[in-house]
Amino acid sequence: MDARDSNSVNDEESVEIIMGTERDLGSESMENTNTSFAKKKARTINLGKQKLRSPVWNTFTKLDTIFEDGKCRAQCKDCKKVALFAYVCPDIKLPCRNTIKACVLRMFKTEKQALHNLLGSVEGRICLTSDLWSSQCTDGYLALTAHFVDKDWKLNKRIISFCHMPPPHTGVALCEKINGLKEIDSSVVKIRECIKYVKGSEARKLKFQECVRQVGILDMVKISKFLGYFYDVTCLFSGTKYPTSNLFFPKVFVIQLQIKAAIDDSDSFMNKMGNYMHLKFEKYWSDYNLIMSIAIILDPRYKLHFVDWAYTKLHGVNSMEYNHVYATLTALFNVYSEASAHLNYSNIPMNSTPNHQIEGGDALFEDFDNNYNGPNSVEKGELQKYLDDKRLDRRQDIDVLSWWQMERFHYPILSQLARDVLTIPISTVASESAFSIGGKVLDQYRTSLLPDTVQALLCTRDWLFGKGGSISFI
């Protein structure tokens, strides 16, 4: 396609000048033709090295080939795809833009109704997270994601809305980075410069090794080990798989323990960095120990023993924080017990031998069944029974939701509590993989679409492919 097919006259002229094309001079004389051609050739020499700044070059690609008529041309990027389809399948008829849009909106409406039915069948609670997106024209979008556990006890997420949100974006919780990391900025810069210098020659490497033996690198080893914990937690919390909330407490506990160790370190550098981090930790994560502590208790590999051990490390034996967690867990369990009081769990199948009745002898044994349960026997509550049972091996890799699904007959009320607590996401990353564009910014093509069309594209893609993993949307 000739670049002069562009609708813009200015773009047409700029393409002709840069590419050295010449217009049809019609009935002008030969002398005027030669003079005009010489002037235009001079202009071409002066302007030939200019950058292709016209917006038309976003769609066209300059061809290096000189055609028989002496003109250079540009190729349309979109038409190249059309030509490929025509070559592969000559009989194919590509639908127009409006037809595709209507098809997408129709599919969006169908999948939306299916999602409505799915969410309506969820027995537990649904947790929501929000995420802000932007576009190349600075328009803001709000992505709203629902997290829930389905009937098979699998954690699911669905983007339920992707709507245009004009500024100001007030009321959005933003978490800033821990300022204590700035304390190591100068050290990191020095290390990078040293590495560049040492790699310059073999003699420098040998000299460097000798200096290491004489001086030691204890401080850098401390920093590397210290930041390793933050790296692991960041990788876990910023992932797109939405780990269950029981993974939160152990990781944050390790961070808090390392910050506490840095504060108590005799090294002034580590002490200063630890104090900075402690201030930010108390500001943003001081209240993490309640609902997330309950989540780790509902992990059969940790239970209440881990919370007791962790708070003993941080606050001493029988701390106020530990007692607060246990009281909250008990109160929360009582709420679920009252809500489930109308349910009759006596007919739930248990792993026990059948009760074979003896004809004419049942009345004889009723006194034994009712009054002789054993010396000093006290019926344990469901929560206490779970806490007293032996915990699983901490190093065992299990799906906690699947474990509760199998044990829901033994712990009918507690399993409901576990399902709702484990639904709470530990990451608010709501839609980072919906479009594979490397960030929360809509590209130039989707920016030009109406907000309703963008929502239909993104939500439909998530509903169709979100469960199967990250799939690029084309």
Protein backbone atom coordinates (compact mmCIF):
# COMPACT_ATOMS: atom_id res chain seq x y z
CA MET A 1 0.00 0.00 0.00
CA ASP A 2 1.31 3.44 -0.98
CA ALA A 3 1.94 5.76 1.95
CA ARG A 4 0.01 8.43 0.08
CA ASP A 5 -3.18 6.57 0.90
CA SER A 6 -3.06 8.39 4.22
CA ASN A 7 -5.97 10.74 4.91
CA SER A 8 -3.68 13.50 6.12
CA VAL A 9 -2.36 15.84 3.43
CA ASN A 10 0.55 16.93 5.60
CA ASP A 11 1.51 13.33 6.23
CA GLU A 12 1.33 12.66 2.50
CA GLU A 13 3.66 15.54 1.70
CA SER A 14 6.12 14.58 4.43
CA VAL A 15 6.25 10.99 3.18
CA GLU A 16 6.91 12.15 -0.37
CA ILE A 17 9.65 14.59 0.65
CA ILE A 18 11.44 12.17 2.94
CA MET A 19 11.22 9.25 0.54
CA GLY A 20 12.25 11.28 -2.50
CA THR A 21 9.04 10.90 -4.47
CA GLU A 22 8.04 13.37 -7.14
CA ARG A 23 4.65 14.56 -8.23
CA ASP A 24 3.25 14.37 -11.71
CA LEU A 25 4.09 17.71 -13.27
CA GLY A 26 1.43 17.43 -15.99
CA SER A 27 1.77 19.92 -18.81
CA GLU A 28 4.77 21.87 -17.49
CA SER A 29 7.68 22.42 -19.88
CA MET A 30 10.80 20.29 -19.84
CA GLU A 31 12.91 23.17 -18.53
CA ASN A 32 10.60 23.75 -15.60
CA THR A 33 10.57 20.03 -14.98
CA ASN A 34 14.36 19.83 -14.75
CA THR A 35 14.52 22.93 -12.54
CA SER A 36 11.78 21.68 -10.24
CA PHE A 37 13.36 18.23 -10.04
CA ALA A 38 16.74 19.74 -9.16
CA LYS A 39 15.22 21.84 -6.38
CA LYS A 40 13.24 18.91 -5.01
CA LYS A 41 16.35 16.72 -5.15
CA ALA A 42 18.24 19.32 -3.14
CA ARG A 43 15.45 19.43 -0.58
CA THR A 44 15.50 15.62 -0.43
CA ILE A 45 19.24 15.62 0.30
CA ASN A 46 18.74 18.10 3.13
CA LEU A 47 15.71 16.39 4.64
CA GLY A 48 16.49 12.75 3.85
CA LYS A 49 18.13 12.11 7.22
CA GLN A 50 15.26 13.47 9.27
CA LYS A 51 13.50 11.09 11.63
CA LEU A 52 10.12 9.75 10.63
CA ARG A 53 8.14 11.70 13.19
CA SER A 54 4.73 11.63 11.52
CA PRO A 55 2.10 9.50 13.34
CA VAL A 56 1.52 7.69 10.03
CA TRP A 57 4.68 5.67 10.67
CA ASN A 58 2.96 3.92 13.57
CA THR A 59 0.98 2.05 10.93
CA PHE A 60 3.40 2.02 7.97
CA THR A 61 6.86 0.52 7.48
CA LYS A 62 9.31 2.14 5.04
CA LEU A 63 10.48 -0.16 2.24
CA ASP A 64 14.07 0.01 1.01
CA THR A 65 13.13 -1.20 -2.49
CA ILE A 66 13.12 1.36 -5.35
CA PHE A 67 10.31 0.53 -7.75
CA GLU A 68 10.39 0.82 -11.56
CA ASP A 69 8.75 4.24 -11.51
CA GLY A 70 11.58 5.53 -9.31
CA LYS A 71 9.38 5.91 -6.25
CA CYS A 72 9.82 4.55 -2.76
CA ARG A 73 6.84 3.17 -0.93
CA ALA A 74 5.71 2.16 2.54
CA GLN A 75 3.86 -0.97 3.58
CA CYS A 76 0.82 -1.00 5.84
CA LYS A 77 1.39 -3.21 8.88
CA ASP A 78 -2.26 -4.16 9.23
CA CYS A 79 -2.73 -4.89 5.54
CA LYS A 80 0.18 -7.31 5.74
CA LYS A 81 -1.86 -9.47 8.11
CA VAL A 82 -4.83 -9.31 5.78
CA ALA A 83 -2.63 -10.38 2.88
CA LEU A 84 -1.34 -13.31 4.94
CA PHE A 85 -4.88 -14.51 5.63
CA ALA A 86 -5.75 -14.14 1.97
CA TYR A 87 -2.68 -16.16 0.95
CA VAL A 88 -3.27 -18.98 3.44
CA CYS A 89 -6.99 -19.20 2.75
CA PRO A 90 -8.12 -17.27 -0.34
CA ASP A 91 -11.78 -17.92 0.43
CA ILE A 92 -11.63 -16.41 3.90
CA LYS A 93 -13.73 -13.34 4.55
CA LEU A 94 -12.57 -11.38 7.58
CA PRO A 95 -15.36 -9.82 9.62
CA CYS A 96 -15.46 -6.08 10.01
CA ARG A 97 -14.69 -4.26 13.25
CA ASN A 98 -18.32 -3.74 14.21
CA THR A 99 -19.11 -7.42 13.70
CA ILE A 100 -16.25 -8.47 15.98
CA LYS A 101 -17.32 -5.95 18.60
CA ALA A 102 -20.89 -7.24 18.55
CA CYS A 103 -19.63 -10.81 18.90
CA VAL A 104 -17.43 -9.90 21.88
CA LEU A 105 -20.25 -8.05 23.63
CA ARG A 106 -22.59 -10.98 23.03
CA MET A 107 -20.06 -13.41 24.51
CA PHE A 108 -19.48 -11.02 27.41
CA LYS A 109 -23.19 -11.00 28.23
CA THR A 110 -23.35 -14.81 28.10
CA GLU A 111 -20.30 -15.31 30.32
CA LYS A 112 -21.52 -12.62 32.70
CA GLN A 113 -24.72 -14.55 33.31
CA ALA A 114 -22.71 -17.75 33.84
CA LEU A 115 -20.51 -15.94 36.36
CA HIS A 116 -23.61 -14.60 38.11
CA ASN A 117 -24.90 -18.15 38.51
CA LEU A 118 -21.50 -19.36 39.73
CA LEU A 119 -21.19 -16.67 42.39
CA GLY A 120 -24.77 -17.31 43.44
CA SER A 121 -23.92 -20.95 44.16
CA VAL A 122 -20.92 -20.13 46.36
CA GLU A 123 -21.64 -21.33 49.89
CA GLY A 124 -18.92 -19.34 51.62
CA ARG A 125 -17.99 -15.69 51.63
CA ILE A 126 -16.65 -13.74 48.65
CA CYS A 127 -13.66 -11.43 49.12
CA LEU A 128 -13.06 -8.43 46.87
CA THR A 129 -9.82 -6.71 45.86
CA SER A 130 -9.42 -3.55 43.78
CA ASP A 131 -6.62 -2.48 41.51
CA LEU A 132 -5.98 0.74 39.57
CA TRP A 133 -4.99 0.74 35.90
CA SER A 134 -4.09 3.59 33.59
CA SER A 135 -3.94 4.07 29.84
CA GLN A 136 -1.70 5.91 27.42
CA CYS A 137 -4.11 8.84 27.44
CA THR A 138 -3.99 8.94 31.29
CA ASP A 139 -7.54 7.62 31.72
CA GLY A 140 -7.96 5.67 34.95
CA TYR A 141 -9.60 2.26 35.29
CA LEU A 142 -10.66 0.28 38.35
CA ALA A 143 -10.38 -3.52 38.26
CA LEU A 144 -12.53 -5.32 40.82
CA THR A 145 -11.72 -8.98 41.51
CA ALA A 146 -13.78 -11.53 43.45
CA HIS A 147 -12.08 -14.38 45.36
CA PHE A 148 -14.08 -17.41 46.46
CA VAL A 149 -13.91 -21.14 47.18
CA ASP A 150 -16.04 -23.27 44.86
CA LYS A 151 -17.95 -26.46 45.65
CA ASP A 152 -14.78 -28.51 45.07
CA TRP A 153 -12.95 -26.43 47.67
CA LYS A 154 -10.67 -24.79 45.11
CA LEU A 155 -9.69 -21.13 45.43
CA ASN A 156 -10.90 -19.11 42.44
CA LYS A 157 -10.70 -15.51 41.31
CA ARG A 158 -12.67 -13.63 38.68
CA ILE A 159 -12.44 -10.04 37.48
CA ILE A 160 -16.04 -8.92 37.87
CA SER A 161 -15.63 -5.31 36.75
CA PHE A 162 -13.14 -3.20 34.81
CA CYS A 163 -14.70 0.24 34.69
CA HIS A 164 -13.49 3.72 33.86
CA MET A 165 -12.63 5.68 37.00
CA PRO A 166 -11.94 9.40 36.54
CA PRO A 167 -9.63 11.17 39.01
CA PRO A 168 -9.17 11.91 41.81
CA HIS A 169 -8.51 8.35 42.99
CA THR A 170 -9.17 8.91 46.66
CA GLY A 171 -9.71 6.17 49.18
CA VAL A 172 -7.29 3.75 47.54
CA ALA A 173 -4.89 2.09 49.94
CA LEU A 174 -1.34 2.41 48.65
CA CYS A 175 1.55 0.66 50.35
CA GLU A 176 4.92 2.37 50.01
CA LYS A 177 8.18 0.53 50.13
CA ILE A 178 10.03 0.13 53.38
CA ASN A 179 12.23 3.21 53.70
CA GLY A 180 14.83 1.27 55.63
CA LEU A 181 16.01 -0.25 52.35
CA LYS A 182 17.31 3.19 51.36
CA GLU A 183 19.98 2.83 54.02
CA ILE A 184 21.80 0.24 51.90
CA ASP A 185 21.61 2.24 48.67
CA SER A 186 25.13 3.64 48.94
CA SER A 187 26.54 0.23 49.84
CA VAL A 188 24.94 -1.39 46.80
CA VAL A 189 26.35 1.32 44.50
CA LYS A 190 29.84 0.84 45.91
CA ILE A 191 29.63 -2.93 45.48
CA ARG A 192 28.58 -2.56 41.84
CA GLU A 193 31.47 -0.21 41.09
CA CYS A 194 33.90 -2.54 42.84
CA ILE A 195 32.72 -5.50 40.79
CA LYS A 196 33.25 -3.57 37.55
CA TYR A 197 36.76 -2.63 38.63
CA VAL A 198 37.75 -6.10 39.85
CA LYS A 199 36.59 -7.79 36.64
CA GLY A 200 38.91 -5.52 34.65
CA SER A 201 41.95 -7.81 34.92
CA GLU A 202 43.17 -11.03 36.49
CA ALA A 203 45.63 -9.15 38.69
CA ARG A 204 42.78 -7.15 40.21
CA LYS A 205 40.87 -10.37 40.98
CA LEU A 206 43.85 -11.81 42.87
CA LYS A 207 44.38 -8.56 44.73
CA PHE A 208 40.69 -8.44 45.61
CA GLN A 209 40.76 -11.96 47.03
CA GLU A 210 43.71 -10.99 49.19
CA CYS A 211 41.84 -7.93 50.50
CA VAL A 212 38.82 -10.08 51.32
CA ARG A 213 40.95 -12.40 53.41
CA GLN A 214 42.52 -9.48 55.25
CA VAL A 215 39.46 -7.28 55.82
CA GLY A 216 36.48 -9.63 55.54
CA ILE A 217 33.02 -8.89 54.16
CA LEU A 218 30.89 -9.58 57.20
CA ASP A 219 28.71 -6.50 56.71
CA MET A 220 27.83 -7.38 53.12
CA VAL A 221 27.07 -10.97 54.09
CA LYS A 222 24.69 -9.67 56.77
CA ILE A 223 22.93 -7.38 54.30
CA SER A 224 22.64 -10.13 51.68
CA LYS A 225 21.17 -12.59 54.18
CA PHE A 226 18.89 -9.93 55.64
CA LEU A 227 17.45 -8.93 52.26
CA GLY A 228 17.02 -12.55 51.24
CA TYR A 229 14.01 -12.85 53.54
CA PHE A 230 12.38 -9.80 51.95
CA TYR A 231 12.98 -11.23 48.49
CA ASP A 232 11.24 -14.51 49.33
CA VAL A 233 8.24 -12.74 50.82
CA THR A 234 7.98 -10.37 47.85
CA CYS A 235 7.98 -13.27 45.39
CA LEU A 236 5.20 -14.98 47.34
CA PHE A 237 2.94 -11.97 47.92
CA SER A 238 3.23 -10.42 44.44
CA GLY A 239 2.47 -13.58 42.50
CA THR A 240 -0.61 -14.06 40.33
CA LYS A 241 -1.71 -17.38 41.80
CA TYR A 242 -3.23 -15.79 44.91
CA PRO A 243 -1.85 -17.99 47.70
CA THR A 244 -4.17 -18.73 50.60
CA SER A 245 -3.93 -16.57 53.69
CA ASN A 246 -2.35 -19.28 55.86
CA LEU A 247 0.99 -18.58 54.13
CA PHE A 248 1.06 -14.98 55.33
CA PHE A 249 1.79 -15.29 59.04
CA PRO A 250 5.01 -17.40 58.91
CA LYS A 251 6.58 -15.14 56.29
CA VAL A 252 5.77 -11.89 58.06
CA PHE A 253 6.85 -13.42 61.36
CA VAL A 254 10.27 -14.12 59.86
CA ILE A 255 10.53 -10.49 58.70
CA GLN A 256 9.55 -9.16 62.11
CA LEU A 257 12.04 -11.50 63.78
CA GLN A 258 14.84 -10.38 61.45
CA ILE A 259 14.04 -6.71 62.05
CA LYS A 260 14.15 -7.35 65.79
CA ALA A 261 17.52 -9.08 65.39
CA ALA A 262 18.84 -6.14 63.34
CA ILE A 263 17.80 -3.70 66.08
CA ASP A 264 19.69 -5.76 68.66
CA ASP A 265 22.76 -6.10 66.41
CA SER A 266 25.96 -4.52 67.71
CA ASP A 267 26.73 -3.24 64.21
CA SER A 268 25.61 0.41 64.05
CA PHE A 269 24.75 0.09 60.36
CA MET A 270 22.42 -2.89 60.87
CA ASN A 271 20.98 -1.25 63.98
CA LYS A 272 20.11 1.94 62.10
CA MET A 273 18.52 0.05 59.20
CA GLY A 274 16.56 -2.15 61.61
CA ASN A 275 15.12 0.85 63.46
CA TYR A 276 13.97 2.46 60.20
CA MET A 277 12.30 -0.77 59.10
CA HIS A 278 10.69 -1.27 62.49
CA LEU A 279 8.93 2.10 62.24
CA LYS A 280 7.47 1.23 58.85
CA PHE A 281 6.59 -2.28 59.96
CA GLU A 282 4.59 -0.96 62.90
CA LYS A 283 2.89 1.58 60.65
CA TYR A 284 1.67 -0.83 57.97
CA TRP A 285 1.81 -4.35 59.42
CA SER A 286 1.16 -3.93 63.14
CA ASP A 287 -2.40 -5.31 62.80
CA TYR A 288 -1.48 -8.33 60.69
CA ASN A 289 -1.48 -10.66 63.65
CA LEU A 290 -5.23 -11.12 64.08
CA ILE A 291 -7.03 -12.59 61.08
CA MET A 292 -3.78 -13.93 59.62
CA SER A 293 -2.96 -15.56 62.94
CA ILE A 294 -6.32 -17.31 62.78
CA ALA A 295 -5.52 -18.42 59.22
CA ILE A 296 -2.29 -20.10 60.33
CA ILE A 297 -4.13 -21.80 63.20
CA LEU A 298 -6.47 -23.33 60.62
CA ASP A 299 -3.47 -24.85 58.84
CA PRO A 300 -3.18 -28.41 60.25
CA ARG A 301 0.62 -28.22 59.98
CA TYR A 302 0.86 -25.27 62.41
CA LYS A 303 -2.30 -24.87 64.51
CA LEU A 304 -2.21 -22.92 67.76
CA HIS A 305 1.22 -24.27 68.64
CA PHE A 306 2.93 -22.10 66.03
CA VAL A 307 1.22 -18.90 67.16
CA ASP A 308 2.19 -19.66 70.75
CA TRP A 309 5.80 -20.33 69.73
CA ALA A 310 6.00 -17.23 67.48
CA TYR A 311 4.60 -14.80 70.03
CA THR A 312 6.82 -16.28 72.72
CA LYS A 313 9.79 -15.45 70.50
CA LEU A 314 8.56 -11.91 69.95
CA HIS A 315 6.73 -10.91 73.13
CA GLY A 316 7.53 -13.52 75.78
CA VAL A 317 5.50 -16.27 77.44
CA ASN A 318 1.72 -15.86 77.74
CA SER A 319 1.76 -12.53 75.93
CA MET A 320 -1.24 -10.27 75.53
CA GLU A 321 -1.07 -10.70 71.74
CA TYR A 322 -1.38 -14.48 72.03
CA ASN A 323 -4.34 -14.28 74.40
CA HIS A 324 -6.04 -11.80 72.07
CA VAL A 325 -5.68 -14.18 69.11
CA TYR A 326 -7.07 -17.14 71.05
CA ALA A 327 -10.03 -15.10 72.35
CA THR A 328 -10.80 -13.85 68.83
CA LEU A 329 -10.65 -17.38 67.42
CA THR A 330 -13.06 -18.63 70.09
CA ALA A 331 -15.48 -15.74 69.53
CA LEU A 332 -15.39 -16.23 65.76
CA PHE A 333 -16.06 -19.95 66.14
CA ASN A 334 -19.03 -19.21 68.40
CA VAL A 335 -20.50 -16.93 65.73
CA TYR A 336 -20.34 -19.73 63.17
CA SER A 337 -21.73 -22.20 65.72
CA GLU A 338 -24.78 -20.02 66.34
CA ALA A 339 -25.33 -19.57 62.60
CA SER A 340 -25.20 -23.34 62.10
CA ALA A 341 -27.33 -24.22 65.12
CA HIS A 342 -30.35 -25.02 62.96
CA LEU A 343 -28.42 -27.64 60.99
CA ASN A 344 -28.56 -31.24 62.13
CA TYR A 345 -25.18 -32.85 61.77
CA SER A 346 -26.22 -36.14 63.33
CA ASN A 347 -27.00 -37.62 59.93
CA ILE A 348 -23.60 -36.72 58.45
CA PRO A 349 -21.71 -39.94 57.57
CA MET A 350 -18.74 -40.65 59.83
CA ASN A 351 -15.95 -43.19 59.54
CA SER A 352 -17.42 -45.60 62.10
CA THR A 353 -18.77 -49.12 62.13
CA PRO A 354 -22.49 -49.63 61.54
CA ASN A 355 -24.73 -49.74 64.58
CA HIS A 356 -26.26 -53.21 64.45
CA GLN A 357 -29.36 -53.33 66.59
CA ILE A 358 -30.04 -56.28 68.85
CA GLU A 359 -33.68 -57.26 68.82
CA GLY A 360 -35.32 -56.68 72.18
CA GLY A 361 -32.09 -55.56 73.81
CA ASP A 362 -31.94 -51.85 73.00
CA ALA A 363 -33.86 -50.75 76.08
CA LEU A 364 -31.46 -52.72 78.24
CA PHE A 365 -28.43 -50.77 77.03
CA GLU A 366 -29.96 -47.28 77.01
CA ASP A 367 -28.85 -46.64 80.59
CA PHE A 368 -25.28 -47.51 79.62
CA ASP A 369 -25.35 -45.32 76.50
CA ASN A 370 -26.66 -42.30 78.38
CA ASN A 371 -24.75 -42.39 81.66
CA TYR A 372 -21.52 -44.34 81.33
CA ASN A 373 -19.20 -42.54 78.92
CA GLY A 374 -16.15 -43.19 81.06
CA PRO A 375 -14.65 -41.77 84.25
CA ASN A 376 -14.43 -37.97 84.26
CA SER A 377 -15.40 -37.87 80.59
CA VAL A 378 -16.12 -34.43 79.21
CA GLU A 379 -17.28 -33.95 75.64
CA LYS A 380 -14.77 -31.87 73.72
CA GLY A 381 -15.96 -29.07 71.53
CA GLU A 382 -15.20 -29.15 67.83
CA LEU A 383 -12.62 -26.38 68.06
CA GLN A 384 -10.84 -27.88 71.06
CA LYS A 385 -10.78 -31.30 69.42
CA TYR A 386 -9.07 -29.85 66.36
CA LEU A 387 -6.51 -27.99 68.47
CA ASP A 388 -5.75 -31.09 70.57
CA ASP A 389 -5.32 -33.42 67.60
CA LYS A 390 -1.76 -34.05 66.50
CA ARG A 391 -0.66 -31.59 63.85
CA LEU A 392 0.76 -32.68 60.50
CA ASP A 393 4.42 -32.42 59.59
CA ARG A 394 5.23 -28.77 58.85
CA ARG A 395 7.46 -29.76 55.92
CA GLN A 396 4.63 -31.66 54.25
CA ASP A 397 3.35 -29.94 51.12
CA ILE A 398 -0.45 -30.04 51.23
CA ASP A 399 -3.39 -28.14 49.82
CA VAL A 400 -5.02 -26.76 52.96
CA LEU A 401 -8.40 -26.28 51.30
CA SER A 402 -8.38 -29.88 50.06
CA TRP A 403 -7.54 -31.06 53.58
CA TRP A 404 -10.52 -29.20 55.01
CA GLN A 405 -12.72 -30.62 52.27
CA MET A 406 -11.84 -34.15 53.39
CA GLU A 407 -12.24 -33.30 57.08
CA ARG A 408 -15.46 -31.31 56.78
CA PHE A 409 -17.47 -34.23 58.21
CA HIS A 410 -15.31 -34.32 61.33
CA TYR A 411 -15.29 -30.52 61.72
CA PRO A 412 -18.53 -29.34 60.06
CA ILE A 413 -18.57 -25.88 61.68
CA LEU A 414 -14.84 -25.28 61.79
CA SER A 415 -14.50 -26.22 58.12
CA GLN A 416 -16.90 -23.39 57.21
CA LEU A 417 -14.80 -20.96 59.21
CA ALA A 418 -11.62 -22.25 57.55
CA ARG A 419 -13.13 -21.93 54.08
CA ASP A 420 -14.05 -18.27 54.62
CA VAL A 421 -10.78 -17.27 56.31
CA LEU A 422 -8.61 -18.99 53.70
CA THR A 423 -10.54 -17.19 50.95
CA ILE A 424 -9.04 -13.87 52.05
CA PRO A 425 -6.23 -13.04 49.58
CA ILE A 426 -2.86 -11.94 50.90
CA SER A 427 -2.14 -10.05 47.68
CA THR A 428 -4.23 -7.29 46.13
CA VAL A 429 -2.76 -7.81 42.65
CA ALA A 430 -6.08 -8.07 40.88
CA SER A 431 -5.40 -8.17 37.14
CA GLU A 432 -1.69 -8.12 36.40
CA SER A 433 -1.87 -11.07 34.01
CA ALA A 434 -5.14 -10.30 32.26
CA PHE A 435 -3.27 -8.55 29.45
CA SER A 436 0.37 -9.48 28.86
CA ILE A 437 1.60 -5.92 28.34
CA GLY A 438 4.21 -5.73 31.09
CA GLY A 439 2.34 -3.42 33.43
CA LYS A 440 -0.96 -1.94 34.49
CA VAL A 441 -1.20 0.29 31.42
CA LEU A 442 -3.54 -0.33 28.51
CA ASP A 443 -1.77 -0.25 25.14
CA GLN A 444 -2.56 2.18 22.33
CA TYR A 445 -5.07 -0.14 20.66
CA ARG A 446 -7.24 -0.80 23.71
CA THR A 447 -6.90 2.81 24.85
CA SER A 448 -8.78 3.86 21.71
CA LEU A 449 -11.75 1.65 22.62
CA LEU A 450 -14.77 2.67 24.64
CA PRO A 451 -14.66 1.76 28.35
CA ASP A 452 -17.52 -0.73 27.93
CA THR A 453 -15.64 -2.49 25.15
CA VAL A 454 -12.44 -2.64 27.21
CA GLN A 455 -14.37 -4.13 30.12
CA ALA A 456 -15.96 -6.72 27.85
CA LEU A 457 -12.59 -7.74 26.41
CA LEU A 458 -10.73 -7.99 29.70
CA CYS A 459 -13.47 -9.64 31.76
CA THR A 460 -14.37 -12.15 29.04
CA ARG A 461 -10.74 -13.12 28.62
CA ASP A 462 -10.40 -13.63 32.37
CA TRP A 463 -13.60 -15.68 32.61
CA LEU A 464 -12.61 -17.91 29.69
CA PHE A 465 -8.90 -18.41 30.35
CA GLY A 466 -8.20 -17.06 33.84
CA LYS A 467 -8.47 -20.45 35.53
CA GLY A 468 -6.11 -22.10 33.08
CA GLY A 469 -3.22 -19.72 33.67
CA SER A 470 -1.67 -16.74 31.95
CA ILE A 471 -2.66 -16.65 28.27
CA SER A 472 -1.77 -13.72 26.05
CA PHE A 473 -4.81 -11.94 24.69
CA ILE A 474 -4.53 -11.34 20.94
